[in-house]
Amino acid sequence: MNMHEHSGHTDHIHTVTEFVPQFVLFLPFLIAAVIYLVAVILSNRKHKQWPISRTICWNAGVLSAITAVAGPLAEMAHGDFTVHMLNHIFLGMLAPLLMVVAAPMTLFLRTLPVSNARRLSKILKSALFRVITDPIVASLLNVGGLWILYTTRLFEVMHENVVLYVLIHFHVFLAGYVFSLSIIYIDPIPHRTSYVYRSIVLVTALAAHGILSKYIYANPPIGVTKADAEQGGMLMYYGGDTIDVMLIFILCLQWYRASRPRLSVAVRDSGF
């Protein structure tokens, strides 16, 4: 094989290894968008119209996740740590929060046949779901996972192993989703914890996330230049704060409404 043929073969392998993980990560979010839309249509036939704001949040969350895992930004993230960190914010923070606010479980419970809705309720009431959605456990899965990713060789190895790359990205999204779910109760949650408990855990988790961003700034992950680490760390810190403010606002609003039971029905039913 001459050099030209070898170069073409290498480019083909590079294209395949980029396309496969992007497609595997993109497909579930596309399916999620379709399922939600179908559920909205079916729900509107039997009940009052599903809030358009919820549908917008779901689609915005899906778009945020897809932007992070497929397309130009996903390709640039392989060689640009700042872009990688932007994708982390999209995939692990913004998309999960928007999709939790979209209240998918509430939509499915009122759309599914009674027998299937009962099965879903049974899952939500299970001991495993209770453990996973405990704010402390959710925080460890979310922020703890990021500490492992960026302070060990895992970040470097992730870009050398397609399977690991896909699994870590799924973990980042799912851990972010469960964390948001554990802090703000948009959907029915059988195993509820107090506002004080959730607030303490949230503040602790945000502090750990902020400390990690500063650690990255001063201690670049393996394979990342100091300049990239500084830019990526700053983006993680300030970009993360932006999403955190949204999370804090929703939690405080829910707490305020819960402490004011005489609020009008219109206000209580208006959103969060």
C-alpha atoms as a PDB file:
ATOM      1  CA  MET A   1       0.000   0.000   0.000  1.00  0.00           C
ATOM      2  CA  ASN A   2       1.494   3.343  -1.032  1.00  0.00           C
ATOM      3  CA  MET A   3       1.420   6.457   1.151  1.00  0.00           C
ATOM      4  CA  HIS A   4      -1.627   7.917  -0.608  1.00  0.00           C
ATOM      5  CA  GLU A   5      -3.589   4.701  -0.153  1.00  0.00           C
ATOM      6  CA  HIS A   6      -2.478   4.452   3.488  1.00  0.00           C
ATOM      7  CA  SER A   7      -3.549   8.052   4.120  1.00  0.00           C
ATOM      8  CA  GLY A   8      -6.955   7.399   2.558  1.00  0.00           C
ATOM      9  CA  HIS A   9      -7.379   4.255   4.669  1.00  0.00           C
ATOM     10  CA  THR A  10      -6.475   6.180   7.841  1.00  0.00           C
ATOM     11  CA  ASP A  11      -8.929   8.959   7.001  1.00  0.00           C
ATOM     12  CA  HIS A  12     -11.645   6.356   6.453  1.00  0.00           C
ATOM     13  CA  ILE A  13     -11.018   4.791   9.874  1.00  0.00           C
ATOM     14  CA  HIS A  14     -11.003   8.248  11.485  1.00  0.00           C
ATOM     15  CA  THR A  15     -14.341   9.101   9.830  1.00  0.00           C
ATOM     16  CA  VAL A  16     -15.916   5.808  10.914  1.00  0.00           C
ATOM     17  CA  THR A  17     -14.745   6.132  14.518  1.00  0.00           C
ATOM     18  CA  GLU A  18     -16.202   9.646  14.637  1.00  0.00           C
ATOM     19  CA  PHE A  19     -19.507   8.769  12.945  1.00  0.00           C
ATOM     20  CA  VAL A  20     -20.313   5.657  14.983  1.00  0.00           C
ATOM     21  CA  PRO A  21     -20.209   7.196  18.497  1.00  0.00           C
ATOM     22  CA  GLN A  22     -22.014  10.320  17.275  1.00  0.00           C
ATOM     23  CA  PHE A  23     -24.798   8.238  15.738  1.00  0.00           C
ATOM     24  CA  VAL A  24     -25.103   6.009  18.828  1.00  0.00           C
ATOM     25  CA  LEU A  25     -25.335   9.074  21.083  1.00  0.00           C
ATOM     26  CA  PHE A  26     -27.615  11.039  18.743  1.00  0.00           C
ATOM     27  CA  LEU A  27     -30.217   8.306  18.151  1.00  0.00           C
ATOM     28  CA  PRO A  28     -31.649   7.981  21.714  1.00  0.00           C
ATOM     29  CA  PHE A  29     -32.269  11.722  21.922  1.00  0.00           C
ATOM     30  CA  LEU A  30     -34.005  11.716  18.549  1.00  0.00           C
ATOM     31  CA  ILE A  31     -36.190   8.825  19.723  1.00  0.00           C
ATOM     32  CA  ALA A  32     -36.905  10.682  22.969  1.00  0.00           C
ATOM     33  CA  ALA A  33     -38.089  13.729  21.001  1.00  0.00           C
ATOM     34  CA  VAL A  34     -40.433  11.592  18.870  1.00  0.00           C
ATOM     35  CA  ILE A  35     -41.833   9.664  21.871  1.00  0.00           C
ATOM     36  CA  TYR A  36     -42.543  12.877  23.766  1.00  0.00           C
ATOM     37  CA  LEU A  37     -44.287  14.417  20.749  1.00  0.00           C
ATOM     38  CA  VAL A  38     -46.440  11.319  20.248  1.00  0.00           C
ATOM     39  CA  ALA A  39     -47.310  11.319  23.965  1.00  0.00           C
ATOM     40  CA  VAL A  40     -48.370  14.974  23.750  1.00  0.00           C
ATOM     41  CA  ILE A  41     -50.644  14.251  20.790  1.00  0.00           C
ATOM     42  CA  LEU A  42     -52.252  11.252  22.511  1.00  0.00           C
ATOM     43  CA  SER A  43     -52.583  13.138  25.794  1.00  0.00           C
ATOM     44  CA  ASN A  44     -54.305  16.110  24.162  1.00  0.00           C
ATOM     45  CA  ARG A  45     -56.946  13.793  22.724  1.00  0.00           C
ATOM     46  CA  LYS A  46     -57.989  12.585  26.177  1.00  0.00           C
ATOM     47  CA  HIS A  47     -57.174  15.465  28.519  1.00  0.00           C
ATOM     48  CA  LYS A  48     -56.804  19.223  28.504  1.00  0.00           C
ATOM     49  CA  GLN A  49     -53.994  20.492  26.320  1.00  0.00           C
ATOM     50  CA  TRP A  50     -50.497  19.722  27.554  1.00  0.00           C
ATOM     51  CA  PRO A  51     -48.618  22.981  28.319  1.00  0.00           C
ATOM     52  CA  ILE A  52     -46.728  24.134  25.247  1.00  0.00           C
ATOM     53  CA  SER A  53     -43.973  25.453  27.529  1.00  0.00           C
ATOM     54  CA  ARG A  54     -43.234  21.889  28.649  1.00  0.00           C
ATOM     55  CA  THR A  55     -42.946  20.700  25.052  1.00  0.00           C
ATOM     56  CA  ILE A  56     -40.632  23.593  24.220  1.00  0.00           C
ATOM     57  CA  CYS A  57     -38.421  22.736  27.210  1.00  0.00           C
ATOM     58  CA  TRP A  58     -38.212  19.083  26.158  1.00  0.00           C
ATOM     59  CA  ASN A  59     -37.267  19.894  22.574  1.00  0.00           C
ATOM     60  CA  ALA A  60     -34.783  22.548  23.693  1.00  0.00           C
ATOM     61  CA  GLY A  61     -33.194  20.000  26.035  1.00  0.00           C
ATOM     62  CA  VAL A  62     -33.009  17.395  23.282  1.00  0.00           C
ATOM     63  CA  LEU A  63     -31.467  19.947  20.908  1.00  0.00           C
ATOM     64  CA  SER A  64     -28.926  20.933  23.555  1.00  0.00           C
ATOM     65  CA  ALA A  65     -27.918  17.300  24.062  1.00  0.00           C
ATOM     66  CA  ILE A  66     -27.722  16.560  20.333  1.00  0.00           C
ATOM     67  CA  THR A  67     -25.567  19.649  19.783  1.00  0.00           C
ATOM     68  CA  ALA A  68     -23.111  18.262  22.340  1.00  0.00           C
ATOM     69  CA  VAL A  69     -22.870  14.705  20.987  1.00  0.00           C
ATOM     70  CA  ALA A  70     -23.201  15.054  17.208  1.00  0.00           C
ATOM     71  CA  GLY A  71     -22.071  17.556  14.602  1.00  0.00           C
ATOM     72  CA  PRO A  72     -19.347  20.210  14.445  1.00  0.00           C
ATOM     73  CA  LEU A  73     -19.058  20.874  18.191  1.00  0.00           C
ATOM     74  CA  ALA A  74     -18.761  17.164  18.977  1.00  0.00           C
ATOM     75  CA  GLU A  75     -15.950  16.831  16.414  1.00  0.00           C
ATOM     76  CA  MET A  76     -14.144  19.964  17.615  1.00  0.00           C
ATOM     77  CA  ALA A  77     -14.323  18.741  21.225  1.00  0.00           C
ATOM     78  CA  HIS A  78     -11.802  15.976  20.453  1.00  0.00           C
ATOM     79  CA  GLY A  79      -9.028  18.525  20.036  1.00  0.00           C
ATOM     80  CA  ASP A  80     -10.326  21.572  21.873  1.00  0.00           C
ATOM     81  CA  PHE A  81     -10.846  21.278  25.623  1.00  0.00           C
ATOM     82  CA  THR A  82     -12.831  24.520  25.794  1.00  0.00           C
ATOM     83  CA  VAL A  83     -15.341  23.172  23.264  1.00  0.00           C
ATOM     84  CA  HIS A  84     -15.388  19.897  25.183  1.00  0.00           C
ATOM     85  CA  MET A  85     -16.328  21.813  28.338  1.00  0.00           C
ATOM     86  CA  LEU A  86     -19.042  23.717  26.466  1.00  0.00           C
ATOM     87  CA  ASN A  87     -20.462  20.372  25.398  1.00  0.00           C
ATOM     88  CA  HIS A  88     -20.297  19.178  29.004  1.00  0.00           C
ATOM     89  CA  ILE A  89     -22.463  22.139  30.035  1.00  0.00           C
ATOM     90  CA  PHE A  90     -24.931  21.430  27.221  1.00  0.00           C
ATOM     91  CA  LEU A  91     -25.090  17.671  27.808  1.00  0.00           C
ATOM     92  CA  GLY A  92     -24.667  17.340  31.562  1.00  0.00           C
ATOM     93  CA  MET A  93     -26.344  20.502  32.882  1.00  0.00           C
ATOM     94  CA  LEU A  94     -28.596  22.420  30.476  1.00  0.00           C
ATOM     95  CA  ALA A  95     -30.228  19.496  28.653  1.00  0.00           C
ATOM     96  CA  PRO A  96     -31.045  17.539  31.853  1.00  0.00           C
ATOM     97  CA  LEU A  97     -32.544  20.593  33.569  1.00  0.00           C
ATOM     98  CA  LEU A  98     -34.732  21.509  30.590  1.00  0.00           C
ATOM     99  CA  MET A  99     -35.909  17.915  30.164  1.00  0.00           C
ATOM    100  CA  VAL A 100     -36.748  17.564  33.864  1.00  0.00           C
ATOM    101  CA  VAL A 101     -38.785  20.786  33.701  1.00  0.00           C
ATOM    102  CA  ALA A 102     -40.673  19.221  30.763  1.00  0.00           C
ATOM    103  CA  ALA A 103     -42.214  16.736  33.245  1.00  0.00           C
ATOM    104  CA  PRO A 104     -42.020  13.607  31.051  1.00  0.00           C
ATOM    105  CA  MET A 105     -43.218  11.178  33.734  1.00  0.00           C
ATOM    106  CA  THR A 106     -46.343  13.261  34.352  1.00  0.00           C
ATOM    107  CA  LEU A 107     -47.023  13.257  30.608  1.00  0.00           C
ATOM    108  CA  PHE A 108     -46.522   9.501  30.291  1.00  0.00           C
ATOM    109  CA  LEU A 109     -48.618   8.708  33.364  1.00  0.00           C
ATOM    110  CA  ARG A 110     -51.590  10.536  31.939  1.00  0.00           C
ATOM    111  CA  THR A 111     -51.069   9.159  28.418  1.00  0.00           C
ATOM    112  CA  LEU A 112     -50.365   5.464  29.043  1.00  0.00           C
ATOM    113  CA  PRO A 113     -53.138   2.891  29.510  1.00  0.00           C
ATOM    114  CA  VAL A 114     -54.011   2.357  33.181  1.00  0.00           C
ATOM    115  CA  SER A 115     -52.151  -0.962  33.430  1.00  0.00           C
ATOM    116  CA  ASN A 116     -48.936   0.477  31.981  1.00  0.00           C
ATOM    117  CA  ALA A 117     -49.260   3.637  34.070  1.00  0.00           C
ATOM    118  CA  ARG A 118     -49.450   1.465  37.184  1.00  0.00           C
ATOM    119  CA  ARG A 119     -46.284  -0.366  36.136  1.00  0.00           C
ATOM    120  CA  LEU A 120     -44.504   2.954  35.682  1.00  0.00           C
ATOM    121  CA  SER A 121     -45.744   4.113  39.096  1.00  0.00           C
ATOM    122  CA  LYS A 122     -44.441   0.894  40.615  1.00  0.00           C
ATOM    123  CA  ILE A 123     -40.993   1.605  39.186  1.00  0.00           C
ATOM    124  CA  LEU A 124     -41.063   5.152  40.556  1.00  0.00           C
ATOM    125  CA  LYS A 125     -41.939   3.773  43.990  1.00  0.00           C
ATOM    126  CA  SER A 126     -39.227   1.090  43.951  1.00  0.00           C
ATOM    127  CA  ALA A 127     -36.373   0.999  46.462  1.00  0.00           C
ATOM    128  CA  LEU A 128     -33.784   1.298  43.664  1.00  0.00           C
ATOM    129  CA  PHE A 129     -35.395   4.471  42.323  1.00  0.00           C
ATOM    130  CA  ARG A 130     -35.527   5.856  45.842  1.00  0.00           C
ATOM    131  CA  VAL A 131     -31.796   5.296  46.337  1.00  0.00           C
ATOM    132  CA  ILE A 132     -30.772   6.691  42.953  1.00  0.00           C
ATOM    133  CA  THR A 133     -32.900   9.827  43.326  1.00  0.00           C
ATOM    134  CA  ASP A 134     -31.673  10.624  46.822  1.00  0.00           C
ATOM    135  CA  PRO A 135     -29.922  14.001  46.446  1.00  0.00           C
ATOM    136  CA  ILE A 136     -26.669  12.771  48.007  1.00  0.00           C
ATOM    137  CA  VAL A 137     -26.457   9.690  45.779  1.00  0.00           C
ATOM    138  CA  ALA A 138     -27.402  11.748  42.727  1.00  0.00           C
ATOM    139  CA  SER A 139     -24.708  14.304  43.582  1.00  0.00           C
ATOM    140  CA  LEU A 140     -22.056  11.606  43.919  1.00  0.00           C
ATOM    141  CA  LEU A 141     -23.036  10.129  40.552  1.00  0.00           C
ATOM    142  CA  ASN A 142     -23.001  13.560  38.939  1.00  0.00           C
ATOM    143  CA  VAL A 143     -20.213  15.668  40.440  1.00  0.00           C
ATOM    144  CA  GLY A 144     -18.263  12.676  41.753  1.00  0.00           C
ATOM    145  CA  GLY A 145     -18.186  11.219  38.253  1.00  0.00           C
ATOM    146  CA  LEU A 146     -16.746  14.457  36.900  1.00  0.00           C
ATOM    147  CA  TRP A 147     -13.996  14.461  39.518  1.00  0.00           C
ATOM    148  CA  ILE A 148     -13.002  10.951  38.447  1.00  0.00           C
ATOM    149  CA  LEU A 149     -13.135  11.898  34.761  1.00  0.00           C
ATOM    150  CA  TYR A 150     -10.937  14.987  35.001  1.00  0.00           C
ATOM    151  CA  THR A 151      -8.477  14.030  37.753  1.00  0.00           C
ATOM    152  CA  THR A 152      -7.491  10.603  36.422  1.00  0.00           C
ATOM    153  CA  ARG A 153      -6.370   9.189  33.061  1.00  0.00           C
ATOM    154  CA  LEU A 154     -10.001   8.457  32.226  1.00  0.00           C
ATOM    155  CA  PHE A 155     -10.335  11.638  30.176  1.00  0.00           C
ATOM    156  CA  GLU A 156      -7.362  10.656  28.007  1.00  0.00           C
ATOM    157  CA  VAL A 157      -8.441   7.015  27.669  1.00  0.00           C
ATOM    158  CA  MET A 158     -11.996   8.060  26.777  1.00  0.00           C
ATOM    159  CA  HIS A 159     -10.779   9.546  23.499  1.00  0.00           C
ATOM    160  CA  GLU A 160      -8.988   6.325  22.602  1.00  0.00           C
ATOM    161  CA  ASN A 161     -11.874   3.916  23.203  1.00  0.00           C
ATOM    162  CA  VAL A 162     -15.166   4.318  21.337  1.00  0.00           C
ATOM    163  CA  VAL A 163     -17.219   2.226  23.780  1.00  0.00           C
ATOM    164  CA  LEU A 164     -15.869   4.110  26.790  1.00  0.00           C
ATOM    165  CA  TYR A 165     -16.460   7.426  25.016  1.00  0.00           C
ATOM    166  CA  VAL A 166     -20.137   6.563  24.448  1.00  0.00           C
ATOM    167  CA  LEU A 167     -20.692   5.217  27.963  1.00  0.00           C
ATOM    168  CA  ILE A 168     -19.153   8.275  29.637  1.00  0.00           C
ATOM    169  CA  HIS A 169     -21.294  10.654  27.591  1.00  0.00           C
ATOM    170  CA  PHE A 170     -24.440   8.721  28.464  1.00  0.00           C
ATOM    171  CA  HIS A 171     -23.379   8.798  32.119  1.00  0.00           C
ATOM    172  CA  VAL A 172     -22.806  12.555  32.029  1.00  0.00           C
ATOM    173  CA  PHE A 173     -26.333  13.138  30.724  1.00  0.00           C
ATOM    174  CA  LEU A 174     -28.112  10.592  32.922  1.00  0.00           C
ATOM    175  CA  ALA A 175     -26.253  11.678  36.065  1.00  0.00           C
ATOM    176  CA  GLY A 176     -27.142  15.302  35.304  1.00  0.00           C
ATOM    177  CA  TYR A 177     -30.769  14.351  34.735  1.00  0.00           C
ATOM    178  CA  VAL A 178     -31.063  12.377  37.971  1.00  0.00           C
ATOM    179  CA  PHE A 179     -29.355  15.184  39.882  1.00  0.00           C
ATOM    180  CA  SER A 180     -31.813  17.790  38.570  1.00  0.00           C
ATOM    181  CA  LEU A 181     -34.666  15.371  39.264  1.00  0.00           C
ATOM    182  CA  SER A 182     -33.504  14.881  42.847  1.00  0.00           C
ATOM    183  CA  ILE A 183     -33.381  18.620  43.579  1.00  0.00           C
ATOM    184  CA  ILE A 184     -36.515  19.993  41.914  1.00  0.00           C
ATOM    185  CA  TYR A 185     -39.738  17.977  41.985  1.00  0.00           C
ATOM    186  CA  ILE A 186     -41.524  18.659  38.717  1.00  0.00           C
ATOM    187  CA  ASP A 187     -42.716  15.090  38.165  1.00  0.00           C
ATOM    188  CA  PRO A 188     -44.412  13.069  40.918  1.00  0.00           C
ATOM    189  CA  ILE A 189     -41.722  11.718  43.243  1.00  0.00           C
ATOM    190  CA  PRO A 190     -42.979   9.146  45.786  1.00  0.00           C
ATOM    191  CA  HIS A 191     -39.833   9.425  47.904  1.00  0.00           C
ATOM    192  CA  ARG A 192     -39.657  13.134  48.718  1.00  0.00           C
ATOM    193  CA  THR A 193     -37.007  14.807  50.845  1.00  0.00           C
ATOM    194  CA  SER A 194     -37.271  18.147  52.622  1.00  0.00           C
ATOM    195  CA  TYR A 195     -36.381  21.496  51.071  1.00  0.00           C
ATOM    196  CA  VAL A 196     -33.699  22.002  53.720  1.00  0.00           C
ATOM    197  CA  TYR A 197     -32.068  18.665  52.906  1.00  0.00           C
ATOM    198  CA  ARG A 198     -32.120  19.308  49.167  1.00  0.00           C
ATOM    199  CA  SER A 199     -30.804  22.841  49.605  1.00  0.00           C
ATOM    200  CA  ILE A 200     -27.846  21.689  51.710  1.00  0.00           C
ATOM    201  CA  VAL A 201     -26.964  18.985  49.197  1.00  0.00           C
ATOM    202  CA  LEU A 202     -27.343  21.403  46.278  1.00  0.00           C
ATOM    203  CA  VAL A 203     -25.020  24.002  47.835  1.00  0.00           C
ATOM    204  CA  THR A 204     -22.457  21.290  48.604  1.00  0.00           C
ATOM    205  CA  ALA A 205     -22.643  19.875  45.083  1.00  0.00           C
ATOM    206  CA  LEU A 206     -22.275  23.311  43.508  1.00  0.00           C
ATOM    207  CA  ALA A 207     -19.245  23.986  45.697  1.00  0.00           C
ATOM    208  CA  ALA A 208     -17.666  20.685  44.632  1.00  0.00           C
ATOM    209  CA  HIS A 209     -18.341  21.531  40.990  1.00  0.00           C
ATOM    210  CA  GLY A 210     -16.783  24.974  41.422  1.00  0.00           C
ATOM    211  CA  ILE A 211     -13.726  23.554  43.176  1.00  0.00           C
ATOM    212  CA  LEU A 212     -13.272  21.040  40.351  1.00  0.00           C
ATOM    213  CA  SER A 213     -13.326  23.819  37.760  1.00  0.00           C
ATOM    214  CA  LYS A 214     -10.593  25.641  39.689  1.00  0.00           C
ATOM    215  CA  TYR A 215      -8.620  22.406  40.013  1.00  0.00           C
ATOM    216  CA  ILE A 216      -8.805  21.904  36.248  1.00  0.00           C
ATOM    217  CA  TYR A 217      -7.633  25.503  35.754  1.00  0.00           C
ATOM    218  CA  ALA A 218      -4.521  24.840  37.848  1.00  0.00           C
ATOM    219  CA  ASN A 219      -4.002  21.155  37.004  1.00  0.00           C
ATOM    220  CA  PRO A 220      -4.759  20.381  33.338  1.00  0.00           C
ATOM    221  CA  PRO A 221      -6.094  16.877  32.624  1.00  0.00           C
ATOM    222  CA  ILE A 222      -3.639  14.565  30.866  1.00  0.00           C
ATOM    223  CA  GLY A 223      -3.313  15.562  27.212  1.00  0.00           C
ATOM    224  CA  VAL A 224      -4.698  19.085  27.746  1.00  0.00           C
ATOM    225  CA  THR A 225      -2.483  22.169  27.441  1.00  0.00           C
ATOM    226  CA  LYS A 226      -2.364  24.699  30.264  1.00  0.00           C
ATOM    227  CA  ALA A 227      -3.976  27.390  28.118  1.00  0.00           C
ATOM    228  CA  ASP A 228      -6.854  25.079  27.127  1.00  0.00           C
ATOM    229  CA  ALA A 229      -7.306  23.972  30.740  1.00  0.00           C
ATOM    230  CA  GLU A 230      -7.500  27.565  31.918  1.00  0.00           C
ATOM    231  CA  GLN A 231     -10.127  28.480  29.321  1.00  0.00           C
ATOM    232  CA  GLY A 232     -12.054  25.257  29.886  1.00  0.00           C
ATOM    233  CA  GLY A 233     -11.932  25.653  33.663  1.00  0.00           C
ATOM    234  CA  MET A 234     -13.239  29.213  33.469  1.00  0.00           C
ATOM    235  CA  LEU A 235     -16.051  28.148  31.145  1.00  0.00           C
ATOM    236  CA  MET A 236     -16.951  25.297  33.479  1.00  0.00           C
ATOM    237  CA  TYR A 237     -17.021  27.698  36.433  1.00  0.00           C
ATOM    238  CA  TYR A 238     -19.002  30.570  34.950  1.00  0.00           C
ATOM    239  CA  GLY A 239     -21.092  28.535  32.524  1.00  0.00           C
ATOM    240  CA  GLY A 240     -21.964  26.106  35.290  1.00  0.00           C
ATOM    241  CA  ASP A 241     -22.986  29.006  37.514  1.00  0.00           C
ATOM    242  CA  THR A 242     -25.492  30.141  34.883  1.00  0.00           C
ATOM    243  CA  ILE A 243     -27.268  26.773  34.897  1.00  0.00           C
ATOM    244  CA  ASP A 244     -26.994  26.534  38.680  1.00  0.00           C
ATOM    245  CA  VAL A 245     -28.802  29.860  39.068  1.00  0.00           C
ATOM    246  CA  MET A 246     -31.719  28.415  37.095  1.00  0.00           C
ATOM    247  CA  LEU A 247     -31.778  25.353  39.339  1.00  0.00           C
ATOM    248  CA  ILE A 248     -31.621  27.446  42.509  1.00  0.00           C
ATOM    249  CA  PHE A 249     -34.381  29.753  41.254  1.00  0.00           C
ATOM    250  CA  ILE A 250     -36.768  26.848  40.594  1.00  0.00           C
ATOM    251  CA  LEU A 251     -36.037  25.246  43.974  1.00  0.00           C
ATOM    252  CA  CYS A 252     -36.562  28.531  45.832  1.00  0.00           C
ATOM    253  CA  LEU A 253     -39.754  29.224  43.899  1.00  0.00           C
ATOM    254  CA  GLN A 254     -41.122  25.786  44.771  1.00  0.00           C
ATOM    255  CA  TRP A 255     -40.149  26.271  48.415  1.00  0.00           C
ATOM    256  CA  TYR A 256     -41.848  29.664  48.507  1.00  0.00           C
ATOM    257  CA  ARG A 257     -45.043  28.295  46.983  1.00  0.00           C
ATOM    258  CA  ALA A 258     -45.059  25.324  49.331  1.00  0.00           C
ATOM    259  CA  SER A 259     -44.851  27.697  52.306  1.00  0.00           C
ATOM    260  CA  ARG A 260     -47.740  29.789  50.980  1.00  0.00           C
ATOM    261  CA  PRO A 261     -50.659  27.320  50.715  1.00  0.00           C
ATOM    262  CA  ARG A 262     -53.191  30.122  50.203  1.00  0.00           C
ATOM    263  CA  LEU A 263     -51.843  31.063  46.812  1.00  0.00           C
ATOM    264  CA  SER A 264     -54.524  31.110  44.172  1.00  0.00           C
ATOM    265  CA  VAL A 265     -55.135  28.016  42.088  1.00  0.00           C
ATOM    266  CA  ALA A 266     -54.086  29.933  38.979  1.00  0.00           C
ATOM    267  CA  VAL A 267     -50.702  30.734  40.468  1.00  0.00           C
ATOM    268  CA  ARG A 268     -50.136  27.223  41.813  1.00  0.00           C
ATOM    269  CA  ASP A 269     -51.033  25.635  38.478  1.00  0.00           C
ATOM    270  CA  SER A 270     -49.046  28.058  36.338  1.00  0.00           C
ATOM    271  CA  GLY A 271     -45.803  26.134  36.118  1.00  0.00           C
ATOM    272  CA  PHE A 272     -43.187  24.896  38.550  1.00  0.00           C
END
